[in-house]
N, C-alpha and C. Protein backbone atom coordinates (compact mmCIF):
# COMPACT_ATOMS: atom_id res chain seq x y z
N UNK A 1 20.48 -17.02 -6.19
CA UNK A 1 20.32 -16.67 -7.58
C UNK A 1 18.87 -16.91 -8.00
N UNK A 2 18.31 -18.04 -7.57
CA UNK A 2 16.94 -18.36 -8.01
C UNK A 2 15.94 -17.34 -7.48
N UNK A 3 16.12 -16.88 -6.24
CA UNK A 3 15.23 -15.88 -5.68
C UNK A 3 15.32 -14.57 -6.43
N UNK A 4 16.53 -14.22 -6.84
CA UNK A 4 16.72 -12.97 -7.59
C UNK A 4 16.01 -13.01 -8.92
N UNK A 5 15.99 -14.14 -9.56
CA UNK A 5 15.35 -14.31 -10.87
C UNK A 5 13.86 -14.55 -10.73
N UNK A 6 13.46 -15.11 -9.61
CA UNK A 6 12.04 -15.39 -9.38
C UNK A 6 11.58 -16.80 -9.75
N UNK A 7 12.57 -17.71 -9.89
CA UNK A 7 12.26 -19.11 -10.17
C UNK A 7 12.60 -19.94 -8.93
N UNK A 8 11.96 -21.11 -8.85
CA UNK A 8 12.40 -22.04 -7.79
C UNK A 8 13.79 -22.55 -8.17
N UNK A 9 14.49 -23.08 -7.17
CA UNK A 9 15.83 -23.57 -7.40
C UNK A 9 15.83 -24.70 -8.41
N UNK A 10 14.90 -25.63 -8.29
CA UNK A 10 14.87 -26.77 -9.22
C UNK A 10 14.53 -26.33 -10.63
N UNK A 11 13.62 -25.37 -10.77
CA UNK A 11 13.27 -24.85 -12.13
C UNK A 11 14.46 -24.17 -12.75
N UNK A 12 15.17 -23.38 -11.96
CA UNK A 12 16.35 -22.69 -12.47
C UNK A 12 17.43 -23.69 -12.89
N UNK A 13 17.65 -24.71 -12.10
CA UNK A 13 18.65 -25.74 -12.45
C UNK A 13 18.28 -26.43 -13.75
N UNK A 14 17.00 -26.78 -13.93
CA UNK A 14 16.57 -27.45 -15.15
C UNK A 14 16.73 -26.53 -16.37
N UNK A 15 16.34 -25.28 -16.21
CA UNK A 15 16.46 -24.30 -17.30
C UNK A 15 17.92 -24.10 -17.66
N UNK A 16 18.75 -23.94 -16.66
CA UNK A 16 20.19 -23.74 -16.86
C UNK A 16 20.78 -24.89 -17.65
N UNK A 17 20.45 -26.11 -17.25
CA UNK A 17 20.99 -27.31 -17.90
C UNK A 17 20.46 -27.39 -19.34
N UNK A 18 19.20 -27.05 -19.55
CA UNK A 18 18.62 -27.08 -20.89
C UNK A 18 19.28 -26.11 -21.81
N UNK A 19 19.61 -24.92 -21.30
CA UNK A 19 20.21 -23.89 -22.13
C UNK A 19 21.70 -24.10 -22.35
N UNK A 20 22.42 -24.37 -21.27
CA UNK A 20 23.89 -24.47 -21.34
C UNK A 20 24.42 -25.89 -21.40
N UNK A 21 23.55 -26.87 -21.12
CA UNK A 21 24.01 -28.25 -21.22
C UNK A 21 24.86 -28.71 -20.03
N UNK A 22 24.87 -27.93 -18.97
CA UNK A 22 25.60 -28.34 -17.76
C UNK A 22 24.93 -27.75 -16.54
N UNK A 23 25.28 -28.30 -15.39
CA UNK A 23 24.66 -27.85 -14.14
C UNK A 23 25.21 -26.50 -13.73
N UNK A 24 24.51 -25.84 -12.87
CA UNK A 24 24.93 -24.55 -12.31
C UNK A 24 26.27 -24.72 -11.60
N UNK A 25 26.40 -25.79 -10.81
CA UNK A 25 27.64 -26.00 -10.05
C UNK A 25 28.84 -26.21 -10.97
N UNK A 26 28.65 -26.93 -12.07
CA UNK A 26 29.75 -27.11 -13.02
C UNK A 26 30.13 -25.82 -13.70
N UNK A 27 29.18 -24.99 -14.00
CA UNK A 27 29.47 -23.69 -14.62
C UNK A 27 30.21 -22.78 -13.64
N UNK A 28 29.79 -22.80 -12.39
CA UNK A 28 30.49 -21.98 -11.39
C UNK A 28 31.91 -22.48 -11.20
N UNK A 29 32.11 -23.80 -11.13
CA UNK A 29 33.45 -24.33 -10.99
C UNK A 29 34.33 -23.97 -12.20
N UNK A 30 33.78 -24.04 -13.39
CA UNK A 30 34.50 -23.67 -14.61
C UNK A 30 34.94 -22.23 -14.54
N UNK A 31 34.03 -21.36 -14.18
CA UNK A 31 34.37 -19.92 -14.12
C UNK A 31 35.42 -19.63 -13.06
N UNK A 32 35.33 -20.33 -11.92
CA UNK A 32 36.34 -20.16 -10.88
C UNK A 32 37.72 -20.62 -11.39
N UNK A 33 37.78 -21.71 -12.09
CA UNK A 33 39.03 -22.24 -12.57
C UNK A 33 39.62 -21.41 -13.71
N UNK A 34 38.76 -20.81 -14.53
CA UNK A 34 39.25 -19.88 -15.56
C UNK A 34 39.90 -18.66 -14.89
N UNK A 35 39.22 -18.16 -13.82
CA UNK A 35 39.79 -17.01 -13.10
C UNK A 35 41.10 -17.43 -12.42
N UNK A 36 41.14 -18.63 -11.87
CA UNK A 36 42.38 -19.12 -11.23
C UNK A 36 43.53 -19.15 -12.23
N UNK A 37 43.25 -19.62 -13.44
CA UNK A 37 44.29 -19.69 -14.47
C UNK A 37 44.78 -18.30 -14.83
N UNK A 38 43.82 -17.36 -14.96
CA UNK A 38 44.21 -15.98 -15.23
C UNK A 38 45.11 -15.39 -14.16
N UNK A 39 44.75 -15.66 -12.92
CA UNK A 39 45.55 -15.15 -11.78
C UNK A 39 46.91 -15.80 -11.72
N UNK A 40 46.98 -17.12 -12.03
CA UNK A 40 48.28 -17.81 -12.06
C UNK A 40 49.20 -17.18 -13.13
N UNK A 41 48.61 -16.82 -14.24
CA UNK A 41 49.39 -16.26 -15.35
C UNK A 41 50.04 -14.92 -14.96
N UNK A 42 49.43 -14.21 -14.05
CA UNK A 42 50.00 -12.91 -13.65
C UNK A 42 51.25 -13.04 -12.81
N UNK A 43 51.38 -14.19 -12.13
CA UNK A 43 52.51 -14.47 -11.24
C UNK A 43 52.61 -13.50 -10.08
N UNK A 44 51.50 -12.87 -9.72
CA UNK A 44 51.48 -11.93 -8.63
C UNK A 44 51.08 -12.57 -7.29
N UNK A 45 50.46 -13.76 -7.39
CA UNK A 45 49.89 -14.40 -6.19
C UNK A 45 50.39 -15.83 -6.05
N UNK A 46 50.40 -16.29 -4.82
CA UNK A 46 50.75 -17.68 -4.59
C UNK A 46 49.53 -18.55 -4.93
N UNK A 47 49.78 -19.84 -5.08
CA UNK A 47 48.72 -20.76 -5.40
C UNK A 47 47.63 -20.75 -4.31
N UNK A 48 48.06 -20.73 -3.07
CA UNK A 48 47.05 -20.71 -1.97
C UNK A 48 46.28 -19.40 -1.96
N UNK A 49 46.90 -18.29 -2.28
CA UNK A 49 46.16 -17.03 -2.37
C UNK A 49 45.12 -17.09 -3.48
N UNK A 50 45.47 -17.66 -4.58
CA UNK A 50 44.54 -17.81 -5.72
C UNK A 50 43.39 -18.73 -5.33
N UNK A 51 43.72 -19.83 -4.65
CA UNK A 51 42.67 -20.75 -4.22
C UNK A 51 41.65 -20.05 -3.34
N UNK A 52 42.14 -19.22 -2.42
CA UNK A 52 41.23 -18.47 -1.55
C UNK A 52 40.41 -17.44 -2.33
N UNK A 53 41.06 -16.78 -3.25
CA UNK A 53 40.37 -15.74 -4.06
C UNK A 53 39.20 -16.36 -4.84
N UNK A 54 39.40 -17.55 -5.37
CA UNK A 54 38.33 -18.19 -6.19
C UNK A 54 37.37 -19.01 -5.34
N UNK A 55 37.51 -18.95 -4.00
CA UNK A 55 36.52 -19.50 -3.14
C UNK A 55 36.81 -20.85 -2.49
N UNK A 56 38.03 -21.28 -2.44
CA UNK A 56 38.41 -22.55 -1.83
C UNK A 56 39.19 -22.28 -0.54
N UNK A 57 38.76 -22.89 0.55
CA UNK A 57 39.51 -22.82 1.79
C UNK A 57 40.44 -24.02 1.94
N UNK A 58 40.14 -25.09 1.22
CA UNK A 58 40.96 -26.29 1.26
C UNK A 58 41.75 -26.36 -0.06
N UNK A 59 43.07 -26.27 0.01
CA UNK A 59 43.89 -26.22 -1.18
C UNK A 59 43.93 -27.55 -1.93
N UNK A 60 43.73 -28.66 -1.25
CA UNK A 60 43.72 -29.93 -2.00
C UNK A 60 42.45 -30.00 -2.83
N UNK A 61 41.32 -29.45 -2.36
CA UNK A 61 40.09 -29.38 -3.12
C UNK A 61 40.27 -28.46 -4.34
N UNK A 62 40.94 -27.33 -4.09
CA UNK A 62 41.25 -26.42 -5.18
C UNK A 62 42.08 -27.07 -6.25
N UNK A 63 43.14 -27.73 -5.86
CA UNK A 63 44.05 -28.37 -6.80
C UNK A 63 43.30 -29.46 -7.59
N UNK A 64 42.48 -30.25 -6.93
CA UNK A 64 41.70 -31.29 -7.59
C UNK A 64 40.73 -30.70 -8.60
N UNK A 65 40.01 -29.66 -8.22
CA UNK A 65 39.06 -29.02 -9.11
C UNK A 65 39.79 -28.36 -10.32
N UNK A 66 40.94 -27.77 -10.06
CA UNK A 66 41.72 -27.15 -11.10
C UNK A 66 42.16 -28.20 -12.11
N UNK A 67 42.65 -29.33 -11.61
CA UNK A 67 43.12 -30.39 -12.51
C UNK A 67 41.95 -30.99 -13.30
N UNK A 68 40.80 -31.11 -12.68
CA UNK A 68 39.64 -31.67 -13.38
C UNK A 68 39.26 -30.77 -14.57
N UNK A 69 39.37 -29.47 -14.41
CA UNK A 69 39.01 -28.54 -15.47
C UNK A 69 40.11 -28.39 -16.52
N UNK A 70 41.37 -28.23 -16.06
CA UNK A 70 42.46 -27.86 -16.95
C UNK A 70 43.35 -29.06 -17.36
N UNK A 71 43.28 -30.14 -16.62
CA UNK A 71 44.11 -31.31 -16.95
C UNK A 71 45.48 -31.33 -16.33
N UNK A 72 45.80 -30.32 -15.53
CA UNK A 72 47.08 -30.25 -14.85
C UNK A 72 46.89 -29.49 -13.53
N UNK A 73 47.81 -29.69 -12.62
CA UNK A 73 47.73 -29.03 -11.32
C UNK A 73 48.16 -27.56 -11.42
N UNK A 74 47.66 -26.73 -10.53
CA UNK A 74 48.11 -25.33 -10.55
C UNK A 74 49.62 -25.23 -10.33
N UNK A 75 50.20 -26.10 -9.52
CA UNK A 75 51.65 -26.05 -9.28
C UNK A 75 52.39 -26.39 -10.55
N UNK A 76 51.88 -27.29 -11.36
CA UNK A 76 52.55 -27.62 -12.64
C UNK A 76 52.53 -26.41 -13.57
N UNK A 77 51.43 -25.72 -13.62
CA UNK A 77 51.34 -24.53 -14.47
C UNK A 77 52.26 -23.45 -13.92
N UNK A 78 52.28 -23.28 -12.65
CA UNK A 78 53.07 -22.24 -12.00
C UNK A 78 54.57 -22.45 -12.31
N UNK A 79 55.02 -23.73 -12.24
CA UNK A 79 56.43 -24.04 -12.51
C UNK A 79 56.78 -23.88 -13.99
N UNK A 80 55.85 -24.20 -14.90
CA UNK A 80 56.17 -24.23 -16.33
C UNK A 80 56.11 -22.83 -16.97
N UNK A 81 55.43 -21.90 -16.31
CA UNK A 81 55.30 -20.58 -16.97
C UNK A 81 56.27 -19.57 -16.43
C-alpha cells in the first residue's frame, strides 16, 4: 500500500494513525471482522469458510479476533441468529 501511494511504510503508518486514530493493522482487522459479521448474517457459509474468506487460515485466531472486535464468538452469533 505504501509503495502505491508513494510514502515510506513508517510515514504512511504515522499519517494513518494521525488521521484515523488507529493503526493500519487495527483498521484492516476491523474491516475483516465487519465483513465476517455480514457473511455470518447471510447464513450461506460455515464459520470456517468465512474465516478463510476474510483471510484467516487458523480458525482459533479468527475466533479470537472476531471476539476482540464484536465481543462475542462467531459461533455464538451463528447459534443466536
